[in-house]
PDB file of N, CA and C in Angstrom:
ATOM      1  N   MET A   1      10.087  -1.747 -37.483  1.00  0.00           N
ATOM      2  CA  MET A   1       9.363  -0.832 -38.309  1.00  0.00           C
ATOM      3  C   MET A   1       9.514  -1.409 -39.409  1.00  0.00           C
ATOM      4  N   ARG A   2       8.825  -1.486 -40.607  1.00  0.00           N
ATOM      5  CA  ARG A   2       8.667  -1.869 -41.968  1.00  0.00           C
ATOM      6  C   ARG A   2       9.836  -0.697 -42.779  1.00  0.00           C
ATOM      7  N   GLU A   3      10.440  -1.058 -43.929  1.00  0.00           N
ATOM      8  CA  GLU A   3      11.159  -0.066 -44.391  1.00  0.00           C
ATOM      9  C   GLU A   3      10.250   0.662 -44.806  1.00  0.00           C
ATOM     10  N   VAL A   4      10.975   2.004 -44.612  1.00  0.00           N
ATOM     11  CA  VAL A   4       9.950   3.032 -45.069  1.00  0.00           C
ATOM     12  C   VAL A   4       9.830   2.950 -46.515  1.00  0.00           C
ATOM     13  N   GLY A   5       8.536   3.046 -46.928  1.00  0.00           N
ATOM     14  CA  GLY A   5       8.105   3.150 -48.116  1.00  0.00           C
ATOM     15  C   GLY A   5       8.048   1.747 -49.082  1.00  0.00           C
ATOM     16  N   LYS A   6       7.950   0.625 -48.539  1.00  0.00           N
ATOM     17  CA  LYS A   6       8.012  -0.268 -49.367  1.00  0.00           C
ATOM     18  C   LYS A   6       6.442  -1.057 -49.487  1.00  0.00           C
ATOM     19  N   THR A   7       5.354  -0.650 -48.451  1.00  0.00           N
ATOM     20  CA  THR A   7       4.139  -1.050 -48.396  1.00  0.00           C
ATOM     21  C   THR A   7       3.350   0.096 -48.402  1.00  0.00           C
ATOM     22  N   ALA A   8       2.167  -0.247 -49.605  1.00  0.00           N
ATOM     23  CA  ALA A   8       1.373   0.501 -49.344  1.00  0.00           C
ATOM     24  C   ALA A   8      -0.190  -0.037 -49.136  1.00  0.00           C
ATOM     25  N   ILE A   9      -1.246   0.257 -48.043  1.00  0.00           N
ATOM     26  CA  ILE A   9      -2.089  -0.639 -47.979  1.00  0.00           C
ATOM     27  C   ILE A   9      -3.499   0.605 -48.245  1.00  0.00           C
ATOM     28  N   ILE A  10      -4.468   0.104 -49.405  1.00  0.00           N
ATOM     29  CA  ILE A  10      -5.205   1.256 -49.551  1.00  0.00           C
ATOM     30  C   ILE A  10      -6.764   0.746 -49.619  1.00  0.00           C
ATOM     31  N   SER A  11      -7.439   1.444 -49.550  1.00  0.00           N
ATOM     32  CA  SER A  11      -8.684   1.298 -49.656  1.00  0.00           C
ATOM     33  C   SER A  11     -10.000   2.152 -49.856  1.00  0.00           C
ATOM     34  N   GLN A  12     -11.442   2.156 -50.274  1.00  0.00           N
ATOM     35  CA  GLN A  12     -12.139   3.183 -50.076  1.00  0.00           C
ATOM     36  C   GLN A  12     -12.305   3.309 -49.034  1.00  0.00           C
ATOM     37  N   ILE A  13     -12.849   4.755 -49.050  1.00  0.00           N
ATOM     38  CA  ILE A  13     -13.292   4.831 -47.453  1.00  0.00           C
ATOM     39  C   ILE A  13     -14.470   4.070 -46.450  1.00  0.00           C
ATOM     40  N   ASP A  14     -15.232   3.971 -47.551  1.00  0.00           N
ATOM     41  CA  ASP A  14     -16.471   3.437 -47.076  1.00  0.00           C
ATOM     42  C   ASP A  14     -16.307   1.720 -46.408  1.00  0.00           C
ATOM     43  N   GLU A  15     -15.172   1.144 -47.147  1.00  0.00           N
ATOM     44  CA  GLU A  15     -14.930   0.157 -47.091  1.00  0.00           C
ATOM     45  C   GLU A  15     -13.992   0.053 -45.453  1.00  0.00           C
ATOM     46  N   SER A  16     -13.414   1.170 -45.332  1.00  0.00           N
ATOM     47  CA  SER A  16     -12.539   0.805 -43.565  1.00  0.00           C
ATOM     48  C   SER A  16     -13.004   1.765 -42.660  1.00  0.00           C
ATOM     49  N   MET A  17     -13.133   2.825 -43.187  1.00  0.00           N
ATOM     50  CA  MET A  17     -13.236   4.104 -42.149  1.00  0.00           C
ATOM     51  C   MET A  17     -12.220   4.525 -41.483  1.00  0.00           C
ATOM     52  N   GLU A  18     -11.697   3.496 -40.769  1.00  0.00           N
ATOM     53  CA  GLU A  18     -10.528   4.126 -39.789  1.00  0.00           C
ATOM     54  C   GLU A  18      -9.059   3.288 -40.117  1.00  0.00           C
ATOM     55  N   HIS A  19      -8.059   3.754 -40.333  1.00  0.00           N
ATOM     56  CA  HIS A  19      -6.838   2.889 -40.695  1.00  0.00           C
ATOM     57  C   HIS A  19      -6.907   1.946 -39.515  1.00  0.00           C
ATOM     58  N   HIS A  20      -6.903   1.711 -38.506  1.00  0.00           N
ATOM     59  CA  HIS A  20      -6.697   0.434 -37.821  1.00  0.00           C
ATOM     60  C   HIS A  20      -7.573  -0.707 -38.346  1.00  0.00           C
ATOM     61  N   ILE A  21      -9.083   0.029 -38.989  1.00  0.00           N
ATOM     62  CA  ILE A  21      -9.708  -1.617 -39.560  1.00  0.00           C
ATOM     63  C   ILE A  21      -9.072  -1.545 -40.889  1.00  0.00           C
ATOM     64  N   LEU A  22      -8.673  -0.753 -41.895  1.00  0.00           N
ATOM     65  CA  LEU A  22      -7.868  -1.291 -43.063  1.00  0.00           C
ATOM     66  C   LEU A  22      -6.888  -2.231 -42.560  1.00  0.00           C
ATOM     67  N   LEU A  23      -5.980  -1.722 -41.907  1.00  0.00           N
ATOM     68  CA  LEU A  23      -4.884  -2.516 -41.495  1.00  0.00           C
ATOM     69  C   LEU A  23      -5.250  -3.978 -40.908  1.00  0.00           C
ATOM     70  N   ALA A  24      -6.548  -4.443 -40.159  1.00  0.00           N
ATOM     71  CA  ALA A  24      -6.846  -5.535 -40.170  1.00  0.00           C
ATOM     72  C   ALA A  24      -7.441  -6.092 -40.788  1.00  0.00           C
ATOM     73  N   LYS A  25      -8.185  -5.678 -41.758  1.00  0.00           N
ATOM     74  CA  LYS A  25      -9.009  -6.058 -42.939  1.00  0.00           C
ATOM     75  C   LYS A  25      -7.850  -6.599 -44.187  1.00  0.00           C
ATOM     76  N   ALA A  26      -6.682  -5.877 -44.102  1.00  0.00           N
ATOM     77  CA  ALA A  26      -5.409  -6.344 -45.004  1.00  0.00           C
ATOM     78  C   ALA A  26      -4.614  -7.327 -44.236  1.00  0.00           C
ATOM     79  N   GLY A  27      -5.263  -7.564 -42.946  1.00  0.00           N
ATOM     80  CA  GLY A  27      -4.055  -9.189 -42.585  1.00  0.00           C
ATOM     81  C   GLY A  27      -3.157  -8.589 -41.967  1.00  0.00           C
ATOM     82  N   PHE A  28      -3.061  -7.227 -41.544  1.00  0.00           N
ATOM     83  CA  PHE A  28      -2.029  -7.020 -40.766  1.00  0.00           C
ATOM     84  C   PHE A  28      -2.417  -6.397 -39.137  1.00  0.00           C
ATOM     85  N   PRO A  29      -1.686  -6.521 -38.160  1.00  0.00           N
ATOM     86  CA  PRO A  29      -1.825  -6.157 -36.764  1.00  0.00           C
ATOM     87  C   PRO A  29      -2.454  -4.639 -36.944  1.00  0.00           C
ATOM     88  N   SER A  30      -3.944  -4.399 -35.958  1.00  0.00           N
ATOM     89  CA  SER A  30      -4.405  -3.045 -36.037  1.00  0.00           C
ATOM     90  C   SER A  30      -3.534  -2.222 -35.237  1.00  0.00           C
ATOM     91  N   THR A  31      -2.770  -2.682 -34.160  1.00  0.00           N
ATOM     92  CA  THR A  31      -2.171  -2.143 -33.432  1.00  0.00           C
ATOM     93  C   THR A  31      -0.802  -1.584 -34.330  1.00  0.00           C
ATOM     94  N   ASP A  32      -0.793  -1.787 -35.281  1.00  0.00           N
ATOM     95  CA  ASP A  32       0.835  -1.640 -35.945  1.00  0.00           C
ATOM     96  C   ASP A  32       0.424   0.265 -36.685  1.00  0.00           C
ATOM     97  N   ILE A  33      -0.601   0.681 -36.097  1.00  0.00           N
ATOM     98  CA  ILE A  33      -0.757   1.979 -36.725  1.00  0.00           C
ATOM     99  C   ILE A  33       0.110   2.929 -37.353  1.00  0.00           C
ATOM    100  N   ASP A  34       1.074   3.096 -35.889  1.00  0.00           N
ATOM    101  CA  ASP A  34       2.352   3.763 -35.743  1.00  0.00           C
ATOM    102  C   ASP A  34       3.388   3.389 -37.049  1.00  0.00           C
ATOM    103  N   LYS A  35       3.145   2.281 -37.371  1.00  0.00           N
ATOM    104  CA  LYS A  35       4.348   1.857 -38.616  1.00  0.00           C
ATOM    105  C   LYS A  35       3.832   2.221 -39.863  1.00  0.00           C
ATOM    106  N   TYR A  36       2.708   3.443 -39.980  1.00  0.00           N
ATOM    107  CA  TYR A  36       2.773   3.777 -41.322  1.00  0.00           C
ATOM    108  C   TYR A  36       2.378   4.906 -41.230  1.00  0.00           C
ATOM    109  N   PHE A  37       2.379   6.035 -42.548  1.00  0.00           N
ATOM    110  CA  PHE A  37       2.185   7.270 -43.083  1.00  0.00           C
ATOM    111  C   PHE A  37       0.635   7.109 -43.285  1.00  0.00           C
ATOM    112  N   ARG A  38      -0.423   7.903 -42.668  1.00  0.00           N
ATOM    113  CA  ARG A  38      -1.451   7.921 -42.841  1.00  0.00           C
ATOM    114  C   ARG A  38      -2.113   8.852 -43.655  1.00  0.00           C
ATOM    115  N   ILE A  39      -2.935   8.406 -44.802  1.00  0.00           N
ATOM    116  CA  ILE A  39      -3.376   9.893 -45.581  1.00  0.00           C
ATOM    117  C   ILE A  39      -5.062   8.980 -45.767  1.00  0.00           C
ATOM    118  N   VAL A  40      -5.898  10.101 -45.816  1.00  0.00           N
ATOM    119  CA  VAL A  40      -7.055  10.041 -46.460  1.00  0.00           C
ATOM    120  C   VAL A  40      -6.852  11.159 -47.635  1.00  0.00           C
ATOM    121  N   LEU A  41      -7.272  10.478 -49.113  1.00  0.00           N
ATOM    122  CA  LEU A  41      -7.106  10.789 -50.278  1.00  0.00           C
ATOM    123  C   LEU A  41      -8.294  10.822 -51.424  1.00  0.00           C
ATOM    124  N   ASP A  42      -8.283  12.319 -51.786  1.00  0.00           N
ATOM    125  CA  ASP A  42      -9.564  12.479 -52.732  1.00  0.00           C
ATOM    126  C   ASP A  42      -8.875  12.943 -53.922  1.00  0.00           C
ATOM    127  N   GLU A  43      -9.546  13.425 -54.799  1.00  0.00           N
ATOM    128  CA  GLU A  43      -9.294  14.233 -56.302  1.00  0.00           C
ATOM    129  C   GLU A  43      -8.855  15.514 -55.949  1.00  0.00           C
ATOM    130  N   ASP A  44      -9.064  16.014 -54.590  1.00  0.00           N
ATOM    131  CA  ASP A  44      -8.385  17.390 -53.995  1.00  0.00           C
ATOM    132  C   ASP A  44      -7.324  17.572 -53.916  1.00  0.00           C
ATOM    133  N   GLY A  45      -7.211  16.001 -53.013  1.00  0.00           N
ATOM    134  CA  GLY A  45      -5.771  16.208 -52.210  1.00  0.00           C
ATOM    135  C   GLY A  45      -5.745  14.924 -51.257  1.00  0.00           C
ATOM    136  N   ALA A  46      -4.630  15.224 -50.406  1.00  0.00           N
ATOM    137  CA  ALA A  46      -4.358  13.791 -49.641  1.00  0.00           C
ATOM    138  C   ALA A  46      -4.165  14.673 -48.095  1.00  0.00           C
ATOM    139  N   ASP A  47      -5.130  14.091 -47.173  1.00  0.00           N
ATOM    140  CA  ASP A  47      -4.898  14.990 -45.895  1.00  0.00           C
ATOM    141  C   ASP A  47      -4.021  13.697 -44.997  1.00  0.00           C
ATOM    142  N   TRP A  48      -3.128  14.098 -44.445  1.00  0.00           N
ATOM    143  CA  TRP A  48      -2.177  13.511 -43.785  1.00  0.00           C
ATOM    144  C   TRP A  48      -2.298  13.740 -42.182  1.00  0.00           C
ATOM    145  N   THR A  49      -2.821  12.521 -41.673  1.00  0.00           N
ATOM    146  CA  THR A  49      -2.681  12.211 -40.096  1.00  0.00           C
ATOM    147  C   THR A  49      -1.673  12.638 -39.791  1.00  0.00           C
ATOM    148  N   PHE A  50      -0.760  13.793 -39.112  1.00  0.00           N
ATOM    149  CA  PHE A  50       0.360  14.008 -38.943  1.00  0.00           C
ATOM    150  C   PHE A  50       0.133  13.489 -37.559  1.00  0.00           C
ATOM    151  N   VAL A  51       1.110  12.269 -37.198  1.00  0.00           N
ATOM    152  CA  VAL A  51       1.272  12.035 -35.385  1.00  0.00           C
ATOM    153  C   VAL A  51       2.579  11.179 -35.846  1.00  0.00           C
ATOM    154  N   CYS A  52       3.824  11.506 -35.225  1.00  0.00           N
ATOM    155  CA  CYS A  52       4.777  11.306 -35.106  1.00  0.00           C
ATOM    156  C   CYS A  52       5.060  10.378 -33.966  1.00  0.00           C
ATOM    157  N   PRO A  53       5.275   9.156 -34.010  1.00  0.00           N
ATOM    158  CA  PRO A  53       5.376   7.932 -32.899  1.00  0.00           C
ATOM    159  C   PRO A  53       6.304   8.559 -32.368  1.00  0.00           C
ATOM    160  N   PRO A  54       6.264   8.433 -31.032  1.00  0.00           N
ATOM    161  CA  PRO A  54       7.452   8.414 -29.916  1.00  0.00           C
ATOM    162  C   PRO A  54       8.677   8.006 -30.269  1.00  0.00           C
ATOM    163  N   ASP A  55       8.676   6.661 -30.860  1.00  0.00           N
ATOM    164  CA  ASP A  55       9.635   5.827 -31.248  1.00  0.00           C
ATOM    165  C   ASP A  55      10.363   5.606 -32.651  1.00  0.00           C
ATOM    166  N   TYR A  56       9.953   6.689 -33.300  1.00  0.00           N
ATOM    167  CA  TYR A  56      10.244   6.867 -34.608  1.00  0.00           C
ATOM    168  C   TYR A  56      11.628   7.222 -34.841  1.00  0.00           C
ATOM    169  N   LYS A  57      12.248   5.810 -35.668  1.00  0.00           N
ATOM    170  CA  LYS A  57      13.392   5.887 -36.240  1.00  0.00           C
ATOM    171  C   LYS A  57      14.594   5.607 -34.916  1.00  0.00           C
ATOM    172  N   GLY A  58      13.736   5.346 -33.324  1.00  0.00           N
ATOM    173  CA  GLY A  58      15.053   5.763 -32.204  1.00  0.00           C
ATOM    174  C   GLY A  58      15.461   6.941 -32.186  1.00  0.00           C
ATOM    175  N   ILE A  59      15.009   8.236 -32.487  1.00  0.00           N
ATOM    176  CA  ILE A  59      15.422   9.810 -32.332  1.00  0.00           C
ATOM    177  C   ILE A  59      14.808   9.847 -30.964  1.00  0.00           C
ATOM    178  N   SER A  60      15.646  10.208 -30.244  1.00  0.00           N
ATOM    179  CA  SER A  60      15.207  10.911 -28.632  1.00  0.00           C
ATOM    180  C   SER A  60      14.924  12.324 -28.728  1.00  0.00           C
ATOM    181  N   ASP A  61      14.963  12.951 -29.435  1.00  0.00           N
ATOM    182  CA  ASP A  61      15.074  14.561 -29.386  1.00  0.00           C
ATOM    183  C   ASP A  61      14.082  14.745 -30.297  1.00  0.00           C
ATOM    184  N   LYS A  62      12.931  15.081 -29.764  1.00  0.00           N
ATOM    185  CA  LYS A  62      11.735  15.496 -30.169  1.00  0.00           C
ATOM    186  C   LYS A  62      11.749  15.886 -31.750  1.00  0.00           C
ATOM    187  N   GLN A  63      12.314  17.295 -31.668  1.00  0.00           N
ATOM    188  CA  GLN A  63      12.358  18.333 -32.578  1.00  0.00           C
ATOM    189  C   GLN A  63      12.744  17.420 -33.854  1.00  0.00           C
ATOM    190  N   ARG A  64      14.095  16.883 -33.465  1.00  0.00           N
ATOM    191  CA  ARG A  64      14.687  16.194 -34.809  1.00  0.00           C
ATOM    192  C   ARG A  64      14.046  14.898 -35.213  1.00  0.00           C
ATOM    193  N   ARG A  65      13.249  14.097 -34.234  1.00  0.00           N
ATOM    194  CA  ARG A  65      12.432  13.087 -34.524  1.00  0.00           C
ATOM    195  C   ARG A  65      11.366  13.426 -35.538  1.00  0.00           C
ATOM    196  N   ILE A  66      10.640  14.731 -35.154  1.00  0.00           N
ATOM    197  CA  ILE A  66       9.496  15.223 -36.184  1.00  0.00           C
ATOM    198  C   ILE A  66       9.771  15.608 -37.231  1.00  0.00           C
ATOM    199  N   THR A  67      11.037  16.231 -37.227  1.00  0.00           N
ATOM    200  CA  THR A  67      11.673  16.574 -38.547  1.00  0.00           C
ATOM    201  C   THR A  67      11.700  15.342 -39.348  1.00  0.00           C
ATOM    202  N   ALA A  68      12.458  14.529 -39.208  1.00  0.00           N
ATOM    203  CA  ALA A  68      13.012  12.793 -39.727  1.00  0.00           C
ATOM    204  C   ALA A  68      11.489  12.669 -40.480  1.00  0.00           C
ATOM    205  N   PHE A  69      10.488  12.451 -39.635  1.00  0.00           N
ATOM    206  CA  PHE A  69       9.004  11.938 -39.695  1.00  0.00           C
ATOM    207  C   PHE A  69       8.690  12.746 -40.834  1.00  0.00           C
ATOM    208  N   TYR A  70       8.711  14.128 -40.896  1.00  0.00           N
ATOM    209  CA  TYR A  70       8.014  14.841 -41.941  1.00  0.00           C
ATOM    210  C   TYR A  70       9.021  14.502 -42.970  1.00  0.00           C
ATOM    211  N   LYS A  71      10.095  14.582 -43.211  1.00  0.00           N
ATOM    212  CA  LYS A  71      10.957  14.546 -44.339  1.00  0.00           C
ATOM    213  C   LYS A  71      10.431  13.248 -45.207  1.00  0.00           C
ATOM    214  N   ASP A  72      11.039  12.023 -44.096  1.00  0.00           N
ATOM    215  CA  ASP A  72      10.215  10.683 -44.460  1.00  0.00           C
ATOM    216  C   ASP A  72       8.960  10.501 -44.841  1.00  0.00           C
ATOM    217  N   GLY A  73       8.221  11.052 -44.272  1.00  0.00           N
ATOM    218  CA  GLY A  73       6.185  11.134 -44.775  1.00  0.00           C
ATOM    219  C   GLY A  73       6.293  11.699 -46.129  1.00  0.00           C
ATOM    220  N   PHE A  74       6.725  12.754 -46.303  1.00  0.00           N
ATOM    221  CA  PHE A  74       6.610  13.902 -47.343  1.00  0.00           C
ATOM    222  C   PHE A  74       7.031  12.842 -48.847  1.00  0.00           C
ATOM    223  N   ALA A  75       8.397  12.528 -48.656  1.00  0.00           N
ATOM    224  CA  ALA A  75       9.067  11.822 -49.620  1.00  0.00           C
ATOM    225  C   ALA A  75       8.549  10.625 -49.915  1.00  0.00           C
ATOM    226  N   VAL A  76       7.662   9.500 -48.977  1.00  0.00           N
ATOM    227  CA  VAL A  76       6.760   8.302 -49.384  1.00  0.00           C
ATOM    228  C   VAL A  76       5.740   8.844 -49.817  1.00  0.00           C
ATOM    229  N   ILE A  77       5.073   9.690 -49.278  1.00  0.00           N
ATOM    230  CA  ILE A  77       3.411  10.243 -49.645  1.00  0.00           C
ATOM    231  C   ILE A  77       3.514  10.357 -51.166  1.00  0.00           C
ATOM    232  N   SER A  78       4.536  11.237 -51.397  1.00  0.00           N
ATOM    233  CA  SER A  78       4.749  12.019 -52.390  1.00  0.00           C
ATOM    234  C   SER A  78       4.505  10.735 -53.488  1.00  0.00           C
ATOM    235  N   ASP A  79       5.757   9.855 -53.440  1.00  0.00           N
ATOM    236  CA  ASP A  79       6.086   9.089 -54.639  1.00  0.00           C
ATOM    237  C   ASP A  79       4.756   8.081 -54.647  1.00  0.00           C
ATOM    238  N   ALA A  80       4.213   7.476 -53.464  1.00  0.00           N
ATOM    239  CA  ALA A  80       3.068   6.870 -53.488  1.00  0.00           C
ATOM    240  C   ALA A  80       1.824   7.442 -54.259  1.00  0.00           C
ATOM    241  N   LEU A  81       1.666   8.653 -54.015  1.00  0.00           N
ATOM    242  CA  LEU A  81       0.564   9.188 -54.732  1.00  0.00           C
ATOM    243  C   LEU A  81       1.103   9.444 -56.290  1.00  0.00           C
ATOM    244  N   SER A  82       2.386   9.809 -56.498  1.00  0.00           N
ATOM    245  CA  SER A  82       2.580   9.747 -58.163  1.00  0.00           C
ATOM    246  C   SER A  82       2.464   8.457 -58.504  1.00  0.00           C
ATOM    247  N   GLU A  83       2.715   7.251 -58.053  1.00  0.00           N
ATOM    248  CA  GLU A  83       2.448   6.004 -58.727  1.00  0.00           C
ATOM    249  C   GLU A  83       1.239   5.827 -58.857  1.00  0.00           C
ATOM    250  N   LEU A  84       0.256   6.096 -58.172  1.00  0.00           N
ATOM    251  CA  LEU A  84      -1.328   6.047 -57.979  1.00  0.00           C
ATOM    252  C   LEU A  84      -1.599   6.723 -59.044  1.00  0.00           C
ATOM    253  N   GLY A  85      -1.219   7.819 -59.852  1.00  0.00           N
ATOM    254  CA  GLY A  85      -1.596   8.936 -60.625  1.00  0.00           C
ATOM    255  C   GLY A  85      -2.170   9.989 -60.032  1.00  0.00           C
ATOM    256  N   PHE A  86      -1.702  10.134 -58.814  1.00  0.00           N
ATOM    257  CA  PHE A  86      -2.635  11.628 -57.923  1.00  0.00           C
ATOM    258  C   PHE A  86      -1.414  12.687 -57.842  1.00  0.00           C
ATOM    259  N   MET A  87      -1.846  13.781 -58.651  1.00  0.00           N
ATOM    260  CA  MET A  87      -0.725  14.834 -58.878  1.00  0.00           C
ATOM    261  C   MET A  87      -1.873  15.892 -57.649  1.00  0.00           C
ATOM    262  N   VAL A  88      -1.648  15.444 -56.354  1.00  0.00           N
ATOM    263  CA  VAL A  88      -2.730  16.682 -55.655  1.00  0.00           C
ATOM    264  C   VAL A  88      -1.572  17.070 -54.806  1.00  0.00           C
ATOM    265  N   GLY A  89      -1.929  18.198 -53.728  1.00  0.00           N
ATOM    266  CA  GLY A  89      -1.170  18.489 -52.383  1.00  0.00           C
ATOM    267  C   GLY A  89      -1.239  17.606 -51.554  1.00  0.00           C
ATOM    268  N   ILE A  90      -0.507  17.718 -50.281  1.00  0.00           N
ATOM    269  CA  ILE A  90      -0.308  16.811 -48.827  1.00  0.00           C
ATOM    270  C   ILE A  90      -1.013  17.720 -48.204  1.00  0.00           C
ATOM    271  N   ASN A  91      -1.780  17.670 -47.411  1.00  0.00           N
ATOM    272  CA  ASN A  91      -2.364  18.763 -46.235  1.00  0.00           C
ATOM    273  C   ASN A  91      -1.994  17.948 -44.947  1.00  0.00           C
ATOM    274  N   ILE A  92      -1.672  18.677 -44.181  1.00  0.00           N
ATOM    275  CA  ILE A  92      -1.698  18.464 -42.621  1.00  0.00           C
ATOM    276  C   ILE A  92      -2.715  19.592 -41.875  1.00  0.00           C
ATOM    277  N   PRO A  93      -4.176  18.770 -41.486  1.00  0.00           N
ATOM    278  CA  PRO A  93      -5.023  19.327 -41.115  1.00  0.00           C
ATOM    279  C   PRO A  93      -4.760  19.814 -40.117  1.00  0.00           C
ATOM    280  N   LYS A  94      -5.456  21.139 -39.281  1.00  0.00           N
ATOM    281  CA  LYS A  94      -4.704  22.016 -38.331  1.00  0.00           C
ATOM    282  C   LYS A  94      -4.781  21.009 -36.883  1.00  0.00           C
ATOM    283  N   ARG A  95      -5.620  19.948 -36.937  1.00  0.00           N
ATOM    284  CA  ARG A  95      -5.726  19.116 -35.707  1.00  0.00           C
ATOM    285  C   ARG A  95      -4.771  18.493 -35.232  1.00  0.00           C
ATOM    286  N   TYR A  96      -3.739  17.998 -36.338  1.00  0.00           N
ATOM    287  CA  TYR A  96      -2.667  17.707 -36.352  1.00  0.00           C
ATOM    288  C   TYR A  96      -1.405  18.239 -36.435  1.00  0.00           C
ATOM    289  N   GLN A  97      -1.283  19.416 -36.445  1.00  0.00           N
ATOM    290  CA  GLN A  97      -0.165  20.253 -36.771  1.00  0.00           C
ATOM    291  C   GLN A  97       0.292  20.297 -35.324  1.00  0.00           C
ATOM    292  N   HIS A  98      -0.232  20.665 -34.271  1.00  0.00           N
ATOM    293  CA  HIS A  98       0.424  20.539 -32.915  1.00  0.00           C
ATOM    294  C   HIS A  98       0.488  19.576 -31.933  1.00  0.00           C
ATOM    295  N   SER A  99      -0.188  18.536 -32.574  1.00  0.00           N
ATOM    296  CA  SER A  99      -0.329  17.101 -31.507  1.00  0.00           C
ATOM    297  C   SER A  99       0.821  16.110 -31.824  1.00  0.00           C
ATOM    298  N   ASN A 100       1.596  16.402 -32.202  1.00  0.00           N
ATOM    299  CA  ASN A 100       2.898  15.327 -32.126  1.00  0.00           C
ATOM    300  C   ASN A 100       3.465  15.152 -30.473  1.00  0.00           C
ATOM    301  N   THR A 101       3.875  13.910 -30.691  1.00  0.00           N
ATOM    302  CA  THR A 101       4.751  13.728 -29.297  1.00  0.00           C
ATOM    303  C   THR A 101       5.909  13.772 -29.449  1.00  0.00           C
TER     304      THR A 101
END
């Protein structure tokens, strides 16, 4: 897994449509989707596709793994948004709130 928070890959939504397409267009394997925190951003907020990979940081306990993923993701995404000049909220859409592995 890449070092958390060191790589940001961004694009306009019309350029890539899906996260795996964005990775491929940027020259990364499209299958590496779980190695990145995924958001869709506009001036109103950032929607976080919150799907915790089952092998995140090698943590076997589901609750501890999801907690670590949440803490890391919130910190990394907040820092990236700030660097980009976006002071918006981070939302986890309802469809992702209970779908974690």
